[in-house]
Amino acid sequence: MVFLSKIFNAFKSIRLNDKNVVVGQQLDYLLISAMYAEQQSAYLNSYETGLSKSILKTILEDYWSIFDKDGAIEILLDLQERNQDEYIDVVYDAFENREEYVSILKSNLPHEEEIFKRYLEIYRNLNNVVPELIEQNVIKDFAQIRRIKDSAWNYGRGAFLARCCYDAGYLSEAELKEYLRKSYTSLKSYCVTWEEYTKSYIFGRQLWGGSNNSGMIQIADDLLHNKKSPMSNKKYL
């Protein structure tokens, strides 16, 4: 039933809060949570998600194992720090030079077997993900991904989870605002436009969560072009 509900939610229309509305620069900060928020049919324009306590409990506890403030902070900081992975560029280099990928990986990755296997798996996933995204017209070529990476997947999920944690009482409004501000500022190092934000999020989801992303592609299109969406009149982050 949860699986069917998530598929249904992915095609629901834009949901907005008509009371506690966030505007201006604060709305830009908030909107990096939009891809995840729209998937869950949450509000796009308020700090409150508008989700029921049972749904919040499922997201925080069942999906993310967040049960208290300490657990929330640990997960949220981890999501902000994932884009600092120094070895992911090695994998990208290998993908761009596939005839020499073995030597590139062996020469530049740690020699620990488990770590090497992890990055080799990412390389192998890229060989499936990139052609799929090109076929789906999400990206034109790998060069787009090389720059934006899966940054929106990390910062975007963190932003939405921070909102859920705020609803659950694990974060204060001031803590939520600062988390959103920092995530947005960091995301701008990778994504210039909101369209790039959606592409980066889709790439991350496909790289780490598997294929079957038609629902997320529809969500991206809706966020960018539906006149009801607070993102539709924005081009640059």
C-alpha atoms as a PDB file:
ATOM      1  CA  MET A   1       0.000   0.000   0.000  1.00  0.00           C
ATOM      2  CA  VAL A   2       2.854   2.427   0.828  1.00  0.00           C
ATOM      3  CA  PHE A   3       4.463   1.675  -2.544  1.00  0.00           C
ATOM      4  CA  LEU A   4       1.224   2.404  -4.414  1.00  0.00           C
ATOM      5  CA  SER A   5       0.740   5.572  -2.387  1.00  0.00           C
ATOM      6  CA  LYS A   6       4.186   6.847  -3.371  1.00  0.00           C
ATOM      7  CA  ILE A   7       3.474   6.215  -7.063  1.00  0.00           C
ATOM      8  CA  PHE A   8       0.178   8.078  -6.732  1.00  0.00           C
ATOM      9  CA  ASN A   9       1.792  10.970  -4.865  1.00  0.00           C
ATOM     10  CA  ALA A  10       4.409  11.364  -7.595  1.00  0.00           C
ATOM     11  CA  PHE A  11       1.689  12.512  -9.992  1.00  0.00           C
ATOM     12  CA  LYS A  12      -0.313  14.735  -7.641  1.00  0.00           C
ATOM     13  CA  SER A  13      -0.554  18.441  -8.375  1.00  0.00           C
ATOM     14  CA  ILE A  14       1.432  21.189  -6.673  1.00  0.00           C
ATOM     15  CA  ARG A  15       0.473  21.621  -3.004  1.00  0.00           C
ATOM     16  CA  LEU A  16       0.806  25.048  -1.392  1.00  0.00           C
ATOM     17  CA  ASN A  17       0.233  26.375   2.106  1.00  0.00           C
ATOM     18  CA  ASP A  18      -2.082  29.391   2.088  1.00  0.00           C
ATOM     19  CA  LYS A  19      -1.282  30.472   5.658  1.00  0.00           C
ATOM     20  CA  ASN A  20       2.363  30.380   6.781  1.00  0.00           C
ATOM     21  CA  VAL A  21       3.895  31.309   3.450  1.00  0.00           C
ATOM     22  CA  VAL A  22       7.644  31.777   2.944  1.00  0.00           C
ATOM     23  CA  VAL A  23       8.675  34.413   0.397  1.00  0.00           C
ATOM     24  CA  GLY A  24      11.768  36.097  -1.048  1.00  0.00           C
ATOM     25  CA  GLN A  25      15.242  34.686  -0.483  1.00  0.00           C
ATOM     26  CA  GLN A  26      13.957  32.367   2.227  1.00  0.00           C
ATOM     27  CA  LEU A  27      11.698  30.743  -0.369  1.00  0.00           C
ATOM     28  CA  ASP A  28      14.718  30.048  -2.594  1.00  0.00           C
ATOM     29  CA  TYR A  29      16.405  28.337   0.340  1.00  0.00           C
ATOM     30  CA  LEU A  30      13.249  26.321   0.953  1.00  0.00           C
ATOM     31  CA  LEU A  31      12.776  25.267  -2.662  1.00  0.00           C
ATOM     32  CA  ILE A  32      15.804  22.995  -2.728  1.00  0.00           C
ATOM     33  CA  SER A  33      13.545  20.597  -0.793  1.00  0.00           C
ATOM     34  CA  ALA A  34      10.969  20.719  -3.607  1.00  0.00           C
ATOM     35  CA  MET A  35      11.742  17.487  -5.481  1.00  0.00           C
ATOM     36  CA  TYR A  36      11.431  15.362  -2.337  1.00  0.00           C
ATOM     37  CA  ALA A  37       8.532  17.457  -1.021  1.00  0.00           C
ATOM     38  CA  GLU A  38       6.535  17.075  -4.232  1.00  0.00           C
ATOM     39  CA  GLN A  39       7.144  13.328  -4.222  1.00  0.00           C
ATOM     40  CA  GLN A  40       5.577  13.186  -0.752  1.00  0.00           C
ATOM     41  CA  SER A  41       2.790  15.691  -1.605  1.00  0.00           C
ATOM     42  CA  ALA A  42       4.097  18.143   0.979  1.00  0.00           C
ATOM     43  CA  TYR A  43       3.804  21.924   0.908  1.00  0.00           C
ATOM     44  CA  LEU A  44       6.348  23.667  -1.320  1.00  0.00           C
ATOM     45  CA  ASN A  45       6.106  27.161   0.154  1.00  0.00           C
ATOM     46  CA  SER A  46       6.226  26.807   3.937  1.00  0.00           C
ATOM     47  CA  TYR A  47       8.528  25.431   6.571  1.00  0.00           C
ATOM     48  CA  GLU A  48       5.698  23.137   7.658  1.00  0.00           C
ATOM     49  CA  THR A  49       5.370  20.108   5.388  1.00  0.00           C
ATOM     50  CA  GLY A  50       1.640  19.688   5.907  1.00  0.00           C
ATOM     51  CA  LEU A  51       2.129  15.947   6.311  1.00  0.00           C
ATOM     52  CA  SER A  52       0.320  13.890   8.943  1.00  0.00           C
ATOM     53  CA  LYS A  53       2.143  12.649  12.020  1.00  0.00           C
ATOM     54  CA  SER A  54       1.939   9.072  10.769  1.00  0.00           C
ATOM     55  CA  ILE A  55       3.560   9.946   7.443  1.00  0.00           C
ATOM     56  CA  LEU A  56       6.256  11.985   9.184  1.00  0.00           C
ATOM     57  CA  LYS A  57       6.925   9.037  11.484  1.00  0.00           C
ATOM     58  CA  THR A  58       7.274   6.708   8.496  1.00  0.00           C
ATOM     59  CA  ILE A  59       9.695   9.044   6.705  1.00  0.00           C
ATOM     60  CA  LEU A  60      11.848   9.843   9.725  1.00  0.00           C
ATOM     61  CA  GLU A  61      11.843   6.540  11.578  1.00  0.00           C
ATOM     62  CA  ASP A  62      11.264   3.848   8.960  1.00  0.00           C
ATOM     63  CA  TYR A  63      13.134   5.402   6.028  1.00  0.00           C
ATOM     64  CA  TRP A  64      15.886   7.331   7.815  1.00  0.00           C
ATOM     65  CA  SER A  65      16.106   5.869  11.354  1.00  0.00           C
ATOM     66  CA  ILE A  66      15.707   9.317  12.911  1.00  0.00           C
ATOM     67  CA  PHE A  67      14.167   9.157  16.382  1.00  0.00           C
ATOM     68  CA  ASP A  68      15.481  12.251  18.165  1.00  0.00           C
ATOM     69  CA  LYS A  69      17.392  15.510  17.744  1.00  0.00           C
ATOM     70  CA  ASP A  70      20.846  13.908  17.915  1.00  0.00           C
ATOM     71  CA  GLY A  71      19.947  11.383  15.239  1.00  0.00           C
ATOM     72  CA  ALA A  72      18.448  14.119  13.100  1.00  0.00           C
ATOM     73  CA  ILE A  73      21.566  16.285  13.250  1.00  0.00           C
ATOM     74  CA  GLU A  74      23.818  13.334  12.430  1.00  0.00           C
ATOM     75  CA  ILE A  75      21.862  12.444   9.276  1.00  0.00           C
ATOM     76  CA  LEU A  76      21.401  16.047   8.169  1.00  0.00           C
ATOM     77  CA  LEU A  77      25.088  16.888   8.483  1.00  0.00           C
ATOM     78  CA  ASP A  78      26.030  13.703   6.650  1.00  0.00           C
ATOM     79  CA  LEU A  79      23.835  14.699   3.704  1.00  0.00           C
ATOM     80  CA  GLN A  80      25.504  18.111   3.558  1.00  0.00           C
ATOM     81  CA  GLU A  81      28.957  16.547   3.610  1.00  0.00           C
ATOM     82  CA  ARG A  82      28.419  13.875   0.945  1.00  0.00           C
ATOM     83  CA  ASN A  83      29.404  16.235  -1.854  1.00  0.00           C
ATOM     84  CA  GLN A  84      32.865  16.571  -0.340  1.00  0.00           C
ATOM     85  CA  ASP A  85      33.819  13.050  -1.464  1.00  0.00           C
ATOM     86  CA  GLU A  86      37.286  13.538  -2.962  1.00  0.00           C
ATOM     87  CA  TYR A  87      37.256  10.196  -4.787  1.00  0.00           C
ATOM     88  CA  ILE A  88      34.090  10.685  -6.831  1.00  0.00           C
ATOM     89  CA  ASP A  89      36.053  12.764  -9.357  1.00  0.00           C
ATOM     90  CA  VAL A  90      38.370   9.796  -9.850  1.00  0.00           C
ATOM     91  CA  VAL A  91      35.343   7.729 -10.845  1.00  0.00           C
ATOM     92  CA  TYR A  92      34.215  10.463 -13.225  1.00  0.00           C
ATOM     93  CA  ASP A  93      37.699  10.579 -14.770  1.00  0.00           C
ATOM     94  CA  ALA A  94      37.534   6.823 -15.283  1.00  0.00           C
ATOM     95  CA  PHE A  95      34.127   7.107 -16.908  1.00  0.00           C
ATOM     96  CA  GLU A  96      35.369   9.731 -19.339  1.00  0.00           C
ATOM     97  CA  ASN A  97      38.384   7.548 -20.194  1.00  0.00           C
ATOM     98  CA  ARG A  98      36.804   4.112 -20.171  1.00  0.00           C
ATOM     99  CA  GLU A  99      39.601   2.418 -22.086  1.00  0.00           C
ATOM    100  CA  GLU A 100      41.894   3.210 -19.160  1.00  0.00           C
ATOM    101  CA  TYR A 101      39.389   3.017 -16.334  1.00  0.00           C
ATOM    102  CA  VAL A 102      41.164   0.188 -14.492  1.00  0.00           C
ATOM    103  CA  SER A 103      44.483   2.006 -14.262  1.00  0.00           C
ATOM    104  CA  ILE A 104      42.788   5.290 -13.319  1.00  0.00           C
ATOM    105  CA  LEU A 105      40.861   3.687 -10.486  1.00  0.00           C
ATOM    106  CA  LYS A 106      43.772   1.611  -9.211  1.00  0.00           C
ATOM    107  CA  SER A 107      46.188   4.536  -9.317  1.00  0.00           C
ATOM    108  CA  ASN A 108      43.981   7.076  -7.571  1.00  0.00           C
ATOM    109  CA  LEU A 109      41.716   5.210  -5.154  1.00  0.00           C
ATOM    110  CA  PRO A 110      42.678   3.885  -1.696  1.00  0.00           C
ATOM    111  CA  HIS A 111      44.053   0.351  -1.747  1.00  0.00           C
ATOM    112  CA  GLU A 112      41.568  -0.928   0.836  1.00  0.00           C
ATOM    113  CA  GLU A 113      39.502  -3.586  -0.935  1.00  0.00           C
ATOM    114  CA  GLU A 114      36.100  -2.526   0.380  1.00  0.00           C
ATOM    115  CA  ILE A 115      36.636   1.123  -0.542  1.00  0.00           C
ATOM    116  CA  PHE A 116      37.865   0.189  -4.008  1.00  0.00           C
ATOM    117  CA  LYS A 117      34.853  -2.073  -4.564  1.00  0.00           C
ATOM    118  CA  ARG A 118      32.505   0.728  -3.546  1.00  0.00           C
ATOM    119  CA  TYR A 119      33.841   3.152  -6.138  1.00  0.00           C
ATOM    120  CA  LEU A 120      34.094   0.460  -8.786  1.00  0.00           C
ATOM    121  CA  GLU A 121      30.379  -0.167  -8.251  1.00  0.00           C
ATOM    122  CA  ILE A 122      29.661   3.541  -8.760  1.00  0.00           C
ATOM    123  CA  TYR A 123      31.642   3.414 -12.002  1.00  0.00           C
ATOM    124  CA  ARG A 124      29.636   0.423 -13.190  1.00  0.00           C
ATOM    125  CA  ASN A 125      26.376   2.139 -12.269  1.00  0.00           C
ATOM    126  CA  LEU A 126      27.360   5.163 -14.357  1.00  0.00           C
ATOM    127  CA  ASN A 127      27.613   2.927 -17.411  1.00  0.00           C
ATOM    128  CA  ASN A 128      23.906   2.197 -17.059  1.00  0.00           C
ATOM    129  CA  VAL A 129      22.624   5.471 -15.605  1.00  0.00           C
ATOM    130  CA  VAL A 130      24.171   7.966 -18.029  1.00  0.00           C
ATOM    131  CA  PRO A 131      22.820   6.345 -21.238  1.00  0.00           C
ATOM    132  CA  GLU A 132      19.384   6.029 -19.613  1.00  0.00           C
ATOM    133  CA  LEU A 133      19.313   9.702 -18.672  1.00  0.00           C
ATOM    134  CA  ILE A 134      20.366  10.696 -22.178  1.00  0.00           C
ATOM    135  CA  GLU A 135      17.664   8.478 -23.676  1.00  0.00           C
ATOM    136  CA  GLN A 136      15.095  10.039 -21.328  1.00  0.00           C
ATOM    137  CA  ASN A 137      16.231  13.542 -22.398  1.00  0.00           C
ATOM    138  CA  VAL A 138      17.165  14.424 -18.837  1.00  0.00           C
ATOM    139  CA  ILE A 139      20.720  15.272 -19.907  1.00  0.00           C
ATOM    140  CA  LYS A 140      22.473  15.783 -23.244  1.00  0.00           C
ATOM    141  CA  ASP A 141      25.810  14.296 -22.253  1.00  0.00           C
ATOM    142  CA  PHE A 142      27.941  13.293 -19.286  1.00  0.00           C
ATOM    143  CA  ALA A 143      29.597  16.742 -19.182  1.00  0.00           C
ATOM    144  CA  GLN A 144      26.420  18.098 -17.591  1.00  0.00           C
ATOM    145  CA  ILE A 145      26.624  15.533 -14.815  1.00  0.00           C
ATOM    146  CA  ARG A 146      30.345  16.052 -14.302  1.00  0.00           C
ATOM    147  CA  ARG A 147      29.688  19.570 -13.063  1.00  0.00           C
ATOM    148  CA  ILE A 148      26.407  19.300 -11.163  1.00  0.00           C
ATOM    149  CA  LYS A 149      27.047  15.783  -9.792  1.00  0.00           C
ATOM    150  CA  ASP A 150      24.375  14.376  -7.450  1.00  0.00           C
ATOM    151  CA  SER A 151      24.551  17.518  -5.316  1.00  0.00           C
ATOM    152  CA  ALA A 152      20.813  18.244  -5.405  1.00  0.00           C
ATOM    153  CA  TRP A 153      20.065  14.638  -4.403  1.00  0.00           C
ATOM    154  CA  ASN A 154      22.087  15.177  -1.227  1.00  0.00           C
ATOM    155  CA  TYR A 155      21.237  18.781  -0.370  1.00  0.00           C
ATOM    156  CA  GLY A 156      17.632  18.422  -1.507  1.00  0.00           C
ATOM    157  CA  ARG A 157      16.888  15.374   0.599  1.00  0.00           C
ATOM    158  CA  GLY A 158      18.588  17.020   3.556  1.00  0.00           C
ATOM    159  CA  ALA A 159      16.481  20.143   3.136  1.00  0.00           C
ATOM    160  CA  PHE A 160      13.236  18.191   3.105  1.00  0.00           C
ATOM    161  CA  LEU A 161      14.280  15.988   6.012  1.00  0.00           C
ATOM    162  CA  ALA A 162      15.155  19.137   7.971  1.00  0.00           C
ATOM    163  CA  ARG A 163      11.583  20.327   7.408  1.00  0.00           C
ATOM    164  CA  CYS A 164      10.266  16.980   8.628  1.00  0.00           C
ATOM    165  CA  CYS A 165      12.507  17.242  11.686  1.00  0.00           C
ATOM    166  CA  TYR A 166      11.147  20.744  12.309  1.00  0.00           C
ATOM    167  CA  ASP A 167       7.593  19.376  12.178  1.00  0.00           C
ATOM    168  CA  ALA A 168       8.599  16.604  14.583  1.00  0.00           C
ATOM    169  CA  GLY A 169      10.111  19.090  17.047  1.00  0.00           C
ATOM    170  CA  TYR A 170      13.723  17.994  16.539  1.00  0.00           C
ATOM    171  CA  LEU A 171      14.803  21.333  15.045  1.00  0.00           C
ATOM    172  CA  SER A 172      13.856  24.882  15.968  1.00  0.00           C
ATOM    173  CA  GLU A 173      12.771  27.303  13.253  1.00  0.00           C
ATOM    174  CA  ALA A 174      16.103  29.102  13.565  1.00  0.00           C
ATOM    175  CA  GLU A 175      18.009  25.821  13.155  1.00  0.00           C
ATOM    176  CA  LEU A 176      15.883  24.884  10.141  1.00  0.00           C
ATOM    177  CA  LYS A 177      16.447  28.263   8.479  1.00  0.00           C
ATOM    178  CA  GLU A 178      20.203  28.036   8.964  1.00  0.00           C
ATOM    179  CA  TYR A 179      20.317  24.489   7.601  1.00  0.00           C
ATOM    180  CA  LEU A 180      18.346  25.505   4.518  1.00  0.00           C
ATOM    181  CA  ARG A 181      20.526  28.579   3.971  1.00  0.00           C
ATOM    182  CA  LYS A 182      23.755  26.606   4.195  1.00  0.00           C
ATOM    183  CA  SER A 183      22.448  23.828   1.942  1.00  0.00           C
ATOM    184  CA  TYR A 184      21.260  26.311  -0.677  1.00  0.00           C
ATOM    185  CA  THR A 185      24.552  28.211  -0.626  1.00  0.00           C
ATOM    186  CA  SER A 186      26.510  24.980  -1.016  1.00  0.00           C
ATOM    187  CA  LEU A 187      24.252  23.735  -3.819  1.00  0.00           C
ATOM    188  CA  LYS A 188      24.961  26.903  -5.805  1.00  0.00           C
ATOM    189  CA  SER A 189      28.555  25.724  -6.126  1.00  0.00           C
ATOM    190  CA  TYR A 190      27.256  22.977  -8.407  1.00  0.00           C
ATOM    191  CA  CYS A 191      23.934  24.064  -9.915  1.00  0.00           C
ATOM    192  CA  VAL A 192      23.378  27.417 -11.580  1.00  0.00           C
ATOM    193  CA  THR A 193      19.727  27.023 -12.568  1.00  0.00           C
ATOM    194  CA  TRP A 194      16.682  25.331 -11.090  1.00  0.00           C
ATOM    195  CA  GLU A 195      16.567  23.080 -14.122  1.00  0.00           C
ATOM    196  CA  GLU A 196      20.074  21.874 -13.254  1.00  0.00           C
ATOM    197  CA  TYR A 197      18.856  21.286  -9.710  1.00  0.00           C
ATOM    198  CA  THR A 198      16.159  18.920 -11.008  1.00  0.00           C
ATOM    199  CA  LYS A 199      18.610  17.122 -13.300  1.00  0.00           C
ATOM    200  CA  SER A 200      21.087  16.666 -10.454  1.00  0.00           C
ATOM    201  CA  TYR A 201      18.373  15.280  -8.195  1.00  0.00           C
ATOM    202  CA  ILE A 202      17.163  12.826 -10.833  1.00  0.00           C
ATOM    203  CA  PHE A 203      20.732  11.729 -11.525  1.00  0.00           C
ATOM    204  CA  GLY A 204      21.369  11.087  -7.837  1.00  0.00           C
ATOM    205  CA  ARG A 205      18.177   9.142  -7.422  1.00  0.00           C
ATOM    206  CA  GLN A 206      18.915   7.016 -10.468  1.00  0.00           C
ATOM    207  CA  LEU A 207      22.531   6.431  -9.445  1.00  0.00           C
ATOM    208  CA  TRP A 208      21.745   5.367  -5.887  1.00  0.00           C
ATOM    209  CA  GLY A 209      18.138   4.220  -6.059  1.00  0.00           C
ATOM    210  CA  GLY A 210      17.880   2.484  -9.412  1.00  0.00           C
ATOM    211  CA  SER A 211      15.935   3.191 -12.588  1.00  0.00           C
ATOM    212  CA  ASN A 212      12.175   3.715 -13.067  1.00  0.00           C
ATOM    213  CA  ASN A 213      12.417   7.475 -12.607  1.00  0.00           C
ATOM    214  CA  SER A 214       9.561   8.522 -14.872  1.00  0.00           C
ATOM    215  CA  GLY A 215       7.656   9.822 -11.851  1.00  0.00           C
ATOM    216  CA  MET A 216      10.558  12.048 -10.787  1.00  0.00           C
ATOM    217  CA  ILE A 217      10.999  13.345 -14.337  1.00  0.00           C
ATOM    218  CA  GLN A 218       7.314  14.309 -14.322  1.00  0.00           C
ATOM    219  CA  ILE A 219       7.750  16.014 -10.947  1.00  0.00           C
ATOM    220  CA  ALA A 220      10.687  18.014 -12.301  1.00  0.00           C
ATOM    221  CA  ASP A 221       8.662  19.131 -15.309  1.00  0.00           C
ATOM    222  CA  ASP A 222       5.755  20.113 -13.079  1.00  0.00           C
ATOM    223  CA  LEU A 223       7.945  22.124 -10.713  1.00  0.00           C
ATOM    224  CA  LEU A 224       9.606  23.973 -13.580  1.00  0.00           C
ATOM    225  CA  HIS A 225       6.567  24.645 -15.772  1.00  0.00           C
ATOM    226  CA  ASN A 226       3.334  24.402 -13.782  1.00  0.00           C
ATOM    227  CA  LYS A 227       2.223  28.010 -13.227  1.00  0.00           C
ATOM    228  CA  LYS A 228       1.111  27.073  -9.725  1.00  0.00           C
ATOM    229  CA  SER A 229       4.666  26.065  -8.791  1.00  0.00           C
ATOM    230  CA  PRO A 230       6.708  28.690  -6.899  1.00  0.00           C
ATOM    231  CA  MET A 231       9.690  27.532  -8.966  1.00  0.00           C
ATOM    232  CA  SER A 232       8.096  28.199 -12.356  1.00  0.00           C
ATOM    233  CA  ASN A 233       8.958  31.907 -12.435  1.00  0.00           C
ATOM    234  CA  LYS A 234      12.569  31.340 -11.389  1.00  0.00           C
ATOM    235  CA  LYS A 235      15.504  30.434 -13.614  1.00  0.00           C
ATOM    236  CA  TYR A 236      18.638  30.894 -11.533  1.00  0.00           C
ATOM    237  CA  LEU A 237      19.281  29.704  -8.022  1.00  0.00           C
END
